[in-house]
C-alpha atoms as a PDB file:
ATOM      1  CA  MET A   1      16.149   5.672 -32.584  1.00  0.00           C
ATOM      2  CA  THR A   2      17.251   6.871 -28.826  1.00  0.00           C
ATOM      3  CA  LYS A   3      16.120   4.089 -26.474  1.00  0.00           C
ATOM      4  CA  ARG A   4      15.065   6.220 -23.316  1.00  0.00           C
ATOM      5  CA  VAL A   5      13.973   5.545 -20.061  1.00  0.00           C
ATOM      6  CA  LEU A   6      11.284   8.068 -18.556  1.00  0.00           C
ATOM      7  CA  LEU A   7      10.975   7.544 -14.748  1.00  0.00           C
ATOM      8  CA  ALA A   8       8.807   8.393 -12.519  1.00  0.00           C
ATOM      9  CA  ALA A   9       8.574  10.587  -9.558  1.00  0.00           C
ATOM     10  CA  PRO A  10       7.565  10.482  -6.695  1.00  0.00           C
ATOM     11  CA  ARG A  11       8.685   6.554  -6.707  1.00  0.00           C
ATOM     12  CA  SER A  12       9.127   3.756  -3.847  1.00  0.00           C
ATOM     13  CA  PHE A  13       8.889   4.717  -0.145  1.00  0.00           C
ATOM     14  CA  CYS A  14       6.064   6.764   0.792  1.00  0.00           C
ATOM     15  CA  ALA A  15       6.556   8.356   4.571  1.00  0.00           C
ATOM     16  CA  GLY A  16       4.162   5.043   6.018  1.00  0.00           C
ATOM     17  CA  VAL A  17       6.668   2.493   4.616  1.00  0.00           C
ATOM     18  CA  ASP A  18       9.794   4.497   5.726  1.00  0.00           C
ATOM     19  CA  ARG A  19       8.232   5.193   9.160  1.00  0.00           C
ATOM     20  CA  ALA A  20       7.220   1.268  10.075  1.00  0.00           C
ATOM     21  CA  ILE A  21      11.018   0.431   8.645  1.00  0.00           C
ATOM     22  CA  GLU A  22      12.814   2.724  10.892  1.00  0.00           C
ATOM     23  CA  ILE A  23      10.404   1.335  13.657  1.00  0.00           C
ATOM     24  CA  VAL A  24      11.792  -2.239  13.201  1.00  0.00           C
ATOM     25  CA  GLU A  25      15.395  -0.917  12.458  1.00  0.00           C
ATOM     26  CA  ARG A  26      15.718   1.373  15.741  1.00  0.00           C
ATOM     27  CA  LEU A  27      13.781  -1.745  18.030  1.00  0.00           C
ATOM     28  CA  LEU A  28      16.408  -3.861  16.726  1.00  0.00           C
ATOM     29  CA  GLU A  29      19.297  -1.439  17.347  1.00  0.00           C
ATOM     30  CA  SER A  30      17.933  -0.483  21.250  1.00  0.00           C
ATOM     31  CA  HIS A  31      16.741  -4.288  21.916  1.00  0.00           C
ATOM     32  CA  GLY A  32      18.178  -7.015  20.008  1.00  0.00           C
ATOM     33  CA  ALA A  33      17.198  -9.411  17.935  1.00  0.00           C
ATOM     34  CA  PRO A  34      14.593 -11.108  17.790  1.00  0.00           C
ATOM     35  CA  VAL A  35      11.866  -8.600  17.426  1.00  0.00           C
ATOM     36  CA  TYR A  36       8.253 -10.066  16.392  1.00  0.00           C
ATOM     37  CA  VAL A  37       6.360  -8.518  13.735  1.00  0.00           C
ATOM     38  CA  ARG A  38       2.767  -9.397  13.141  1.00  0.00           C
ATOM     39  CA  HIS A  39       2.606  -9.980   9.533  1.00  0.00           C
ATOM     40  CA  GLU A  40       4.919  -8.703   6.843  1.00  0.00           C
ATOM     41  CA  ILE A  41       6.289  -5.098   8.057  1.00  0.00           C
ATOM     42  CA  VAL A  42       5.585  -3.438   4.444  1.00  0.00           C
ATOM     43  CA  HIS A  43       4.659  -6.225   1.351  1.00  0.00           C
ATOM     44  CA  ASN A  44       8.301  -6.129  -0.281  1.00  0.00           C
ATOM     45  CA  ASP A  45      10.010  -9.557  -0.350  1.00  0.00           C
ATOM     46  CA  ASN A  46      13.470  -7.537  -0.608  1.00  0.00           C
ATOM     47  CA  VAL A  47      12.223  -5.639   2.737  1.00  0.00           C
ATOM     48  CA  VAL A  48      11.312  -8.141   4.798  1.00  0.00           C
ATOM     49  CA  ARG A  49      14.043 -10.325   3.601  1.00  0.00           C
ATOM     50  CA  ARG A  50      16.543  -7.581   4.691  1.00  0.00           C
ATOM     51  CA  LEU A  51      14.698  -7.242   7.915  1.00  0.00           C
ATOM     52  CA  GLU A  52      14.870 -10.987   8.800  1.00  0.00           C
ATOM     53  CA  GLY A  53      18.942 -10.970   8.174  1.00  0.00           C
ATOM     54  CA  LEU A  54      18.877  -8.271  10.880  1.00  0.00           C
ATOM     55  CA  GLY A  55      16.821 -10.202  13.179  1.00  0.00           C
ATOM     56  CA  ALA A  56      13.314  -9.448  13.062  1.00  0.00           C
ATOM     57  CA  VAL A  57      10.763 -12.334  12.767  1.00  0.00           C
ATOM     58  CA  PHE A  58       7.726 -12.175  10.887  1.00  0.00           C
ATOM     59  CA  VAL A  59       4.470 -14.087  12.235  1.00  0.00           C
ATOM     60  CA  ASP A  60       1.486 -14.747  10.790  1.00  0.00           C
ATOM     61  CA  SER A  61      -0.350 -14.191  13.941  1.00  0.00           C
ATOM     62  CA  GLU A  62       0.272 -12.879  17.317  1.00  0.00           C
ATOM     63  CA  ASP A  63      -0.313 -15.906  18.878  1.00  0.00           C
ATOM     64  CA  GLU A  64       3.316 -17.099  17.891  1.00  0.00           C
ATOM     65  CA  ILE A  65       4.812 -14.681  20.162  1.00  0.00           C
ATOM     66  CA  PRO A  66       6.623 -15.824  23.581  1.00  0.00           C
ATOM     67  CA  SER A  67       4.823 -13.815  25.982  1.00  0.00           C
ATOM     68  CA  GLY A  68       6.920 -10.779  27.307  1.00  0.00           C
ATOM     69  CA  GLU A  69       8.264 -10.264  23.777  1.00  0.00           C
ATOM     70  CA  ILE A  70       7.852  -6.894  21.571  1.00  0.00           C
ATOM     71  CA  CYS A  71       4.933  -7.191  18.988  1.00  0.00           C
ATOM     72  CA  VAL A  72       5.511  -4.491  15.944  1.00  0.00           C
ATOM     73  CA  LEU A  73       1.921  -4.197  14.385  1.00  0.00           C
ATOM     74  CA  SER A  74       2.604  -3.764  10.737  1.00  0.00           C
ATOM     75  CA  ALA A  75       1.993  -0.754   8.697  1.00  0.00           C
ATOM     76  CA  HIS A  76      -1.360  -2.718   7.086  1.00  0.00           C
ATOM     77  CA  GLY A  77      -2.880  -1.791  10.508  1.00  0.00           C
ATOM     78  CA  VAL A  78      -5.239  -4.731  12.530  1.00  0.00           C
ATOM     79  CA  ALA A  79      -8.525  -5.085  14.149  1.00  0.00           C
ATOM     80  CA  PRO A  80      -8.967  -4.474  17.888  1.00  0.00           C
ATOM     81  CA  SER A  81      -9.420  -7.961  18.549  1.00  0.00           C
ATOM     82  CA  VAL A  82      -5.683  -8.174  17.997  1.00  0.00           C
ATOM     83  CA  ARG A  83      -4.497  -5.402  19.895  1.00  0.00           C
ATOM     84  CA  GLU A  84      -6.756  -6.836  22.897  1.00  0.00           C
ATOM     85  CA  ASN A  85      -4.909 -10.202  22.364  1.00  0.00           C
ATOM     86  CA  CYS A  86      -1.575  -8.821  22.176  1.00  0.00           C
ATOM     87  CA  VAL A  87      -2.198  -7.597  25.602  1.00  0.00           C
ATOM     88  CA  ALA A  88      -4.028 -10.463  27.096  1.00  0.00           C
ATOM     89  CA  ARG A  89      -0.890 -12.000  26.354  1.00  0.00           C
ATOM     90  CA  GLY A  90       1.523  -9.511  27.770  1.00  0.00           C
ATOM     91  CA  LEU A  91       2.994  -8.544  24.687  1.00  0.00           C
ATOM     92  CA  ARG A  92       5.095  -5.566  24.162  1.00  0.00           C
ATOM     93  CA  VAL A  93       3.244  -3.465  21.380  1.00  0.00           C
ATOM     94  CA  VAL A  94       4.732  -1.217  19.409  1.00  0.00           C
ATOM     95  CA  ASP A  95       2.668   0.320  16.846  1.00  0.00           C
ATOM     96  CA  ALA A  96       3.390   0.824  13.104  1.00  0.00           C
ATOM     97  CA  VAL A  97       0.271   1.169  11.472  1.00  0.00           C
ATOM     98  CA  CYS A  98       0.534   3.849   8.685  1.00  0.00           C
ATOM     99  CA  PRO A  99      -1.233   6.978  10.149  1.00  0.00           C
ATOM    100  CA  LEU A 100      -3.365   7.390   7.163  1.00  0.00           C
ATOM    101  CA  VAL A 101      -4.509   3.810   7.776  1.00  0.00           C
ATOM    102  CA  SER A 102      -5.377   4.589  11.102  1.00  0.00           C
ATOM    103  CA  LYS A 103      -7.728   7.429  10.022  1.00  0.00           C
ATOM    104  CA  VAL A 104      -9.743   5.174   8.171  1.00  0.00           C
ATOM    105  CA  HIS A 105     -10.025   2.986  11.297  1.00  0.00           C
ATOM    106  CA  ALA A 106     -11.365   5.727  12.781  1.00  0.00           C
ATOM    107  CA  GLU A 107     -13.817   6.754  10.280  1.00  0.00           C
ATOM    108  CA  ALA A 108     -15.369   3.500   9.828  1.00  0.00           C
ATOM    109  CA  ARG A 109     -15.770   3.346  13.630  1.00  0.00           C
ATOM    110  CA  ARG A 110     -17.578   6.949  13.430  1.00  0.00           C
ATOM    111  CA  TYR A 111     -19.706   6.009  10.859  1.00  0.00           C
ATOM    112  CA  ALA A 112     -21.022   2.457  12.460  1.00  0.00           C
ATOM    113  CA  ASP A 113     -21.487   4.334  15.511  1.00  0.00           C
ATOM    114  CA  SER A 114     -23.624   7.300  14.317  1.00  0.00           C
ATOM    115  CA  GLY A 115     -25.757   4.735  12.979  1.00  0.00           C
ATOM    116  CA  HIS A 116     -24.858   3.748   9.577  1.00  0.00           C
ATOM    117  CA  LEU A 117     -23.824   0.885   7.259  1.00  0.00           C
ATOM    118  CA  VAL A 118     -20.416   1.371   6.828  1.00  0.00           C
ATOM    119  CA  ALA A 119     -19.058   0.221   2.669  1.00  0.00           C
ATOM    120  CA  LEU A 120     -15.740  -0.283   2.770  1.00  0.00           C
ATOM    121  CA  ILE A 121     -14.319  -0.340  -1.064  1.00  0.00           C
ATOM    122  CA  GLY A 122     -11.681  -2.577  -1.362  1.00  0.00           C
ATOM    123  CA  HIS A 123      -9.995  -6.158  -1.796  1.00  0.00           C
ATOM    124  CA  ALA A 124     -11.775  -8.545   1.227  1.00  0.00           C
ATOM    125  CA  ASP A 125      -8.544 -10.608   1.584  1.00  0.00           C
ATOM    126  CA  HIS A 126      -6.161  -7.827   1.706  1.00  0.00           C
ATOM    127  CA  VAL A 127      -4.974  -7.297   5.114  1.00  0.00           C
ATOM    128  CA  GLU A 128      -5.467  -3.322   5.479  1.00  0.00           C
ATOM    129  CA  VAL A 129      -9.113  -4.223   4.750  1.00  0.00           C
ATOM    130  CA  ILE A 130      -9.444  -7.333   6.986  1.00  0.00           C
ATOM    131  CA  GLY A 131      -7.988  -4.577   9.799  1.00  0.00           C
ATOM    132  CA  THR A 132     -10.641  -1.923   9.058  1.00  0.00           C
ATOM    133  CA  LYS A 133     -13.337  -4.644   8.711  1.00  0.00           C
ATOM    134  CA  GLY A 134     -12.578  -5.981  12.509  1.00  0.00           C
ATOM    135  CA  GLU A 135     -13.255  -2.304  14.299  1.00  0.00           C
ATOM    136  CA  ARG A 136     -17.137  -2.510  13.690  1.00  0.00           C
ATOM    137  CA  PRO A 137     -17.697  -6.191  11.924  1.00  0.00           C
ATOM    138  CA  ASP A 138     -21.233  -6.433  12.058  1.00  0.00           C
ATOM    139  CA  GLN A 139     -21.712  -2.158  10.504  1.00  0.00           C
ATOM    140  CA  ILE A 140     -19.240  -2.740   8.032  1.00  0.00           C
ATOM    141  CA  VAL A 141     -19.399  -4.838   4.618  1.00  0.00           C
ATOM    142  CA  VAL A 142     -16.925  -4.852   1.982  1.00  0.00           C
ATOM    143  CA  VAL A 143     -17.367  -3.790  -1.579  1.00  0.00           C
ATOM    144  CA  GLU A 144     -15.345  -4.643  -4.145  1.00  0.00           C
ATOM    145  CA  SER A 145     -16.669  -3.515  -7.454  1.00  0.00           C
ATOM    146  CA  PRO A 146     -19.843  -1.536  -8.726  1.00  0.00           C
ATOM    147  CA  GLU A 147     -21.315  -5.503  -9.036  1.00  0.00           C
ATOM    148  CA  ASP A 148     -21.058  -5.871  -5.659  1.00  0.00           C
ATOM    149  CA  ALA A 149     -22.686  -2.283  -5.090  1.00  0.00           C
ATOM    150  CA  ALA A 150     -25.816  -3.025  -7.112  1.00  0.00           C
ATOM    151  CA  GLU A 151     -26.618  -6.042  -4.780  1.00  0.00           C
ATOM    152  CA  LEU A 152     -25.770  -4.279  -1.061  1.00  0.00           C
ATOM    153  CA  ASP A 153     -28.828  -4.379   1.024  1.00  0.00           C
ATOM    154  CA  THR A 154     -28.123  -2.041   3.862  1.00  0.00           C
ATOM    155  CA  ASP A 155     -32.113  -2.873   5.777  1.00  0.00           C
ATOM    156  CA  GLY A 156     -32.788   0.727   5.363  1.00  0.00           C
ATOM    157  CA  LYS A 157     -29.708   2.031   6.979  1.00  0.00           C
ATOM    158  CA  PRO A 158     -28.014   5.229   5.617  1.00  0.00           C
ATOM    159  CA  VAL A 159     -24.517   3.882   3.684  1.00  0.00           C
ATOM    160  CA  ALA A 160     -21.065   6.058   4.277  1.00  0.00           C
ATOM    161  CA  VAL A 161     -18.275   4.808   2.148  1.00  0.00           C
ATOM    162  CA  ILE A 162     -14.750   4.340   3.209  1.00  0.00           C
ATOM    163  CA  SER A 163     -12.099   2.846   1.137  1.00  0.00           C
ATOM    164  CA  GLN A 164      -8.356   0.909   1.261  1.00  0.00           C
ATOM    165  CA  THR A 165      -5.840   3.578   1.174  1.00  0.00           C
ATOM    166  CA  THR A 166      -4.047   1.613  -1.745  1.00  0.00           C
ATOM    167  CA  LEU A 167      -6.141   1.099  -4.669  1.00  0.00           C
ATOM    168  CA  SER A 168      -7.070   3.092  -8.009  1.00  0.00           C
ATOM    169  CA  LEU A 169      -8.704   6.589  -7.825  1.00  0.00           C
ATOM    170  CA  ASP A 170     -10.448   5.634 -10.581  1.00  0.00           C
ATOM    171  CA  ASP A 171     -11.723   1.860  -9.219  1.00  0.00           C
ATOM    172  CA  VAL A 172     -13.056   3.272  -6.445  1.00  0.00           C
ATOM    173  CA  ALA A 173     -14.724   6.361  -8.088  1.00  0.00           C
ATOM    174  CA  SER A 174     -16.956   3.717 -10.079  1.00  0.00           C
ATOM    175  CA  THR A 175     -17.640   1.960  -7.380  1.00  0.00           C
ATOM    176  CA  VAL A 176     -19.158   5.126  -5.650  1.00  0.00           C
ATOM    177  CA  THR A 177     -21.362   6.201  -8.383  1.00  0.00           C
ATOM    178  CA  ALA A 178     -22.764   2.901  -8.185  1.00  0.00           C
ATOM    179  CA  LEU A 179     -23.574   2.819  -4.459  1.00  0.00           C
ATOM    180  CA  GLU A 180     -25.152   6.260  -5.039  1.00  0.00           C
ATOM    181  CA  ASP A 181     -26.901   5.730  -8.025  1.00  0.00           C
ATOM    182  CA  ARG A 182     -28.640   2.719  -5.667  1.00  0.00           C
ATOM    183  CA  PHE A 183     -28.505   4.851  -2.529  1.00  0.00           C
ATOM    184  CA  GLY A 184     -28.636   8.288  -2.969  1.00  0.00           C
ATOM    185  CA  ALA A 185     -26.572  10.583  -0.718  1.00  0.00           C
ATOM    186  CA  LEU A 186     -23.524   9.084   1.107  1.00  0.00           C
ATOM    187  CA  LYS A 187     -21.817   9.963   3.958  1.00  0.00           C
ATOM    188  CA  ARG A 188     -17.675  10.526   2.964  1.00  0.00           C
ATOM    189  CA  PRO A 189     -15.018  11.416   4.500  1.00  0.00           C
ATOM    190  CA  GLY A 190     -13.949  15.205   3.809  1.00  0.00           C
ATOM    191  CA  ALA A 191     -10.930  13.821   1.852  1.00  0.00           C
ATOM    192  CA  ASP A 192     -10.235  10.589   0.050  1.00  0.00           C
ATOM    193  CA  ASP A 193      -9.256   7.995   1.376  1.00  0.00           C
ATOM    194  CA  ILE A 194      -6.554   7.367  -0.945  1.00  0.00           C
ATOM    195  CA  CYS A 195      -3.520   7.726   0.008  1.00  0.00           C
ATOM    196  CA  TYR A 196      -1.259  10.836  -0.715  1.00  0.00           C
ATOM    197  CA  ALA A 197       1.707   8.405  -2.541  1.00  0.00           C
ATOM    198  CA  THR A 198      -0.465   5.995  -4.021  1.00  0.00           C
ATOM    199  CA  GLN A 199      -2.344   9.081  -5.650  1.00  0.00           C
ATOM    200  CA  ASN A 200       1.093  10.556  -6.830  1.00  0.00           C
ATOM    201  CA  ARG A 201       2.276   7.309  -8.033  1.00  0.00           C
ATOM    202  CA  GLN A 202      -0.329   6.491 -10.488  1.00  0.00           C
ATOM    203  CA  ASP A 203      -0.394   9.976 -11.370  1.00  0.00           C
ATOM    204  CA  ALA A 204       3.195   9.414 -12.686  1.00  0.00           C
ATOM    205  CA  VAL A 205       2.564   6.392 -14.166  1.00  0.00           C
ATOM    206  CA  LYS A 206      -0.804   8.431 -16.403  1.00  0.00           C
ATOM    207  CA  GLU A 207       1.734  11.060 -17.066  1.00  0.00           C
ATOM    208  CA  ILE A 208       4.383   8.887 -18.430  1.00  0.00           C
ATOM    209  CA  ALA A 209       1.903   6.856 -20.359  1.00  0.00           C
ATOM    210  CA  ARG A 210       0.967  10.610 -22.216  1.00  0.00           C
ATOM    211  CA  LEU A 211       4.458  11.147 -22.881  1.00  0.00           C
ATOM    212  CA  GLY A 212       4.412   7.951 -25.333  1.00  0.00           C
ATOM    213  CA  GLY A 213       6.110   5.210 -22.816  1.00  0.00           C
ATOM    214  CA  THR A 214       5.184   2.185 -24.117  1.00  0.00           C
ATOM    215  CA  LEU A 215       5.974  -0.082 -21.538  1.00  0.00           C
ATOM    216  CA  ILE A 216       5.898   0.494 -17.797  1.00  0.00           C
ATOM    217  CA  LEU A 217       7.742  -1.256 -15.768  1.00  0.00           C
ATOM    218  CA  VAL A 218       6.582  -1.197 -12.230  1.00  0.00           C
ATOM    219  CA  ILE A 219       8.676  -2.955  -9.648  1.00  0.00           C
ATOM    220  CA  GLY A 220       7.129  -4.358  -6.700  1.00  0.00           C
ATOM    221  CA  SER A 221       6.312  -7.858  -5.079  1.00  0.00           C
ATOM    222  CA  PRO A 222       3.055  -9.935  -6.142  1.00  0.00           C
ATOM    223  CA  THR A 223       1.508  -9.048  -2.841  1.00  0.00           C
ATOM    224  CA  SER A 224       1.725  -5.218  -3.132  1.00  0.00           C
ATOM    225  CA  SER A 225      -1.766  -3.447  -3.676  1.00  0.00           C
ATOM    226  CA  ASN A 226      -0.232  -0.489  -4.718  1.00  0.00           C
ATOM    227  CA  ALA A 227       1.961  -1.715  -7.317  1.00  0.00           C
ATOM    228  CA  ASN A 228      -0.205  -4.162  -8.500  1.00  0.00           C
ATOM    229  CA  ARG A 229      -2.611  -0.833  -8.876  1.00  0.00           C
ATOM    230  CA  LEU A 230       0.108   0.912 -10.900  1.00  0.00           C
ATOM    231  CA  VAL A 231      -0.198  -1.702 -13.593  1.00  0.00           C
ATOM    232  CA  GLU A 232      -3.506  -1.909 -13.889  1.00  0.00           C
ATOM    233  CA  VAL A 233      -3.258   2.311 -13.866  1.00  0.00           C
ATOM    234  CA  ALA A 234      -0.806   1.842 -16.485  1.00  0.00           C
ATOM    235  CA  ARG A 235      -2.634  -0.522 -19.187  1.00  0.00           C
ATOM    236  CA  THR A 236      -5.612   1.573 -18.591  1.00  0.00           C
ATOM    237  CA  ALA A 237      -3.716   4.676 -19.858  1.00  0.00           C
ATOM    238  CA  GLY A 238      -3.066   2.469 -23.188  1.00  0.00           C
ATOM    239  CA  ALA A 239       0.881   1.359 -22.022  1.00  0.00           C
ATOM    240  CA  ASP A 240       2.075  -2.414 -22.009  1.00  0.00           C
ATOM    241  CA  ALA A 241       2.978  -3.180 -18.155  1.00  0.00           C
ATOM    242  CA  THR A 242       4.138  -5.853 -15.846  1.00  0.00           C
ATOM    243  CA  LEU A 243       5.304  -5.914 -12.819  1.00  0.00           C
ATOM    244  CA  ILE A 244       8.800  -7.061 -11.642  1.00  0.00           C
ATOM    245  CA  ASP A 245      10.877  -7.372  -8.580  1.00  0.00           C
ATOM    246  CA  GLY A 246      13.976  -5.158  -9.204  1.00  0.00           C
ATOM    247  CA  GLU A 247      16.202  -8.103  -8.747  1.00  0.00           C
ATOM    248  CA  SER A 248      16.025 -10.421 -11.508  1.00  0.00           C
ATOM    249  CA  ALA A 249      17.760  -9.634 -14.401  1.00  0.00           C
ATOM    250  CA  LEU A 250      14.921  -8.457 -17.267  1.00  0.00           C
ATOM    251  CA  GLU A 251      13.656 -11.041 -19.442  1.00  0.00           C
ATOM    252  CA  GLY A 252      15.319 -11.073 -22.940  1.00  0.00           C
ATOM    253  CA  ASP A 253      11.505 -10.652 -24.774  1.00  0.00           C
ATOM    254  CA  LEU A 254      10.379  -8.191 -22.728  1.00  0.00           C
ATOM    255  CA  LEU A 255      11.445  -4.916 -24.477  1.00  0.00           C
ATOM    256  CA  PRO A 256      11.959  -5.690 -27.983  1.00  0.00           C
ATOM    257  CA  GLY A 257       9.282  -2.898 -29.834  1.00  0.00           C
ATOM    258  CA  HIS A 258       9.680  -0.596 -27.209  1.00  0.00           C
ATOM    259  CA  THR A 259      12.111   2.564 -27.528  1.00  0.00           C
ATOM    260  CA  VAL A 260      10.333   4.377 -24.647  1.00  0.00           C
ATOM    261  CA  ILE A 261      10.679   2.471 -21.756  1.00  0.00           C
ATOM    262  CA  GLY A 262       8.615   4.208 -18.240  1.00  0.00           C
ATOM    263  CA  LEU A 263      10.050   2.773 -14.817  1.00  0.00           C
ATOM    264  CA  THR A 264       8.553   3.107 -11.330  1.00  0.00           C
ATOM    265  CA  ALA A 265       8.217   1.444  -8.004  1.00  0.00           C
ATOM    266  CA  GLY A 266       5.431   1.076  -5.594  1.00  0.00           C
ATOM    267  CA  ALA A 267       5.894   2.928  -2.251  1.00  0.00           C
ATOM    268  CA  SER A 268       6.678  -0.006   0.074  1.00  0.00           C
ATOM    269  CA  THR A 269      10.068  -0.633  -2.997  1.00  0.00           C
ATOM    270  CA  PRO A 270      13.477   0.117  -2.099  1.00  0.00           C
ATOM    271  CA  GLU A 271      14.832   2.727  -4.019  1.00  0.00           C
ATOM    272  CA  GLU A 272      18.250   0.925  -4.198  1.00  0.00           C
ATOM    273  CA  LEU A 273      16.054  -1.791  -6.485  1.00  0.00           C
ATOM    274  CA  VAL A 274      15.122   0.915  -9.331  1.00  0.00           C
ATOM    275  CA  GLN A 275      18.892   2.063  -9.512  1.00  0.00           C
ATOM    276  CA  ASN A 276      19.249  -2.122 -10.117  1.00  0.00           C
ATOM    277  CA  VAL A 277      16.783  -1.585 -12.959  1.00  0.00           C
ATOM    278  CA  LEU A 278      18.308   1.387 -14.539  1.00  0.00           C
ATOM    279  CA  ALA A 279      21.730  -0.209 -14.526  1.00  0.00           C
ATOM    280  CA  ASP A 280      20.342  -3.220 -16.333  1.00  0.00           C
ATOM    281  CA  LEU A 281      18.410  -1.166 -18.882  1.00  0.00           C
ATOM    282  CA  ALA A 282      21.340   0.800 -19.733  1.00  0.00           C
ATOM    283  CA  ALA A 283      23.335  -2.181 -20.411  1.00  0.00           C
ATOM    284  CA  ARG A 284      20.354  -3.161 -22.889  1.00  0.00           C
ATOM    285  CA  GLY A 285      21.083   0.607 -24.489  1.00  0.00           C
ATOM    286  CA  TYR A 286      18.366   2.325 -22.653  1.00  0.00           C
ATOM    287  CA  THR A 287      20.767   5.138 -21.423  1.00  0.00           C
ATOM    288  CA  ASP A 288      18.697   8.031 -21.913  1.00  0.00           C
ATOM    289  CA  VAL A 289      16.713   8.669 -18.795  1.00  0.00           C
ATOM    290  CA  GLU A 290      14.580  11.572 -18.354  1.00  0.00           C
ATOM    291  CA  ASP A 291      12.652  12.619 -14.732  1.00  0.00           C
ATOM    292  CA  VAL A 292       8.829  12.541 -15.211  1.00  0.00           C
ATOM    293  CA  THR A 293       7.653  14.646 -11.697  1.00  0.00           C
ATOM    294  CA  VAL A 294       4.046  14.427 -11.080  1.00  0.00           C
ATOM    295  CA  ALA A 295       4.375  16.113  -7.157  1.00  0.00           C
ATOM    296  CA  ARG A 296       6.684  16.557  -4.736  1.00  0.00           C
ATOM    297  CA  GLU A 297       6.701  14.737  -1.225  1.00  0.00           C
ATOM    298  CA  ASP A 298       7.651  16.194   1.849  1.00  0.00           C
ATOM    299  CA  VAL A 299       5.356  14.427   4.245  1.00  0.00           C
ATOM    300  CA  HIS A 300       7.363  13.087   7.654  1.00  0.00           C
ATOM    301  CA  PHE A 301       4.979  10.865  10.359  1.00  0.00           C
ATOM    302  CA  ARG A 302       6.404  11.070  13.664  1.00  0.00           C
ATOM    303  CA  LEU A 303       7.536   7.727  15.582  1.00  0.00           C
ATOM    304  CA  PRO A 304       6.097   6.215  18.355  1.00  0.00           C
ATOM    305  CA  LYS A 305       7.080   6.836  22.035  1.00  0.00           C
ATOM    306  CA  GLU A 306       8.033   3.272  22.608  1.00  0.00           C
ATOM    307  CA  VAL A 307      10.734   4.093  19.974  1.00  0.00           C
ATOM    308  CA  VAL A 308      11.675   7.266  20.554  1.00  0.00           C
ATOM    309  CA  ALA A 309      12.621   6.651  24.453  1.00  0.00           C
ATOM    310  CA  SER A 310      14.501   3.428  23.444  1.00  0.00           C
END
């Protein structure tokens, strides 16, 4: 039987990641090294190492950045207190936050300021969620699961619901249902907070599983929420799935028993790593590659004025 690869499309970089990386690259070109970045610009080890090689310095806190230097805020967003501290310390802030994350921050402020308790569905330790909760810490509560929803105490306040952008739509739906069962009608945004790129990549994985992919390889870093969700979605769809880094050779015991393999990459994973894995698979006899396209992406976000003017 012919060994085949079902190659997901869309895959790899989304518009928010493209924008964030281009911001750091342009600043390095125009200002020279170092350019400080608060947190990893995106959650991919390969990207971070490459930018470090160009002169980017990644720090855990803005307090580590010398006064007067550039501070790039990562794609995941930050709490208002971080921006205030940057200004107080005399840092030159450049905002690389994904506009779709900024949208969720705006929703959080609007709902909290209108008297709602804001249920933020997401992972409490993820930097995006930490930043969003920081908009109104006393009026936003993180809800990680339907079980959390069942135990939520609103103290009589109406409930609004928002979510981390990189979750599985199915997981969010189950938690929203639990909130509705407990509190009735919820205030919600007009459109889901799950970003278009996350949803498209999840849909492609589901389609690969439907077409007979029995093992789905997801290229991404362990810290990438959207890449980890792709693994979960693939397994829920009935396929075996594993997260790989795209740089190391595939483990020998991974492929036996699978003649149809799916391949995708998280939204912060460079396309060159996909090509690395395709070459590795081809050397192992998986030479028939078929694109599985579920959507066409033509989204572009404008660069901040600090970069365009530099």
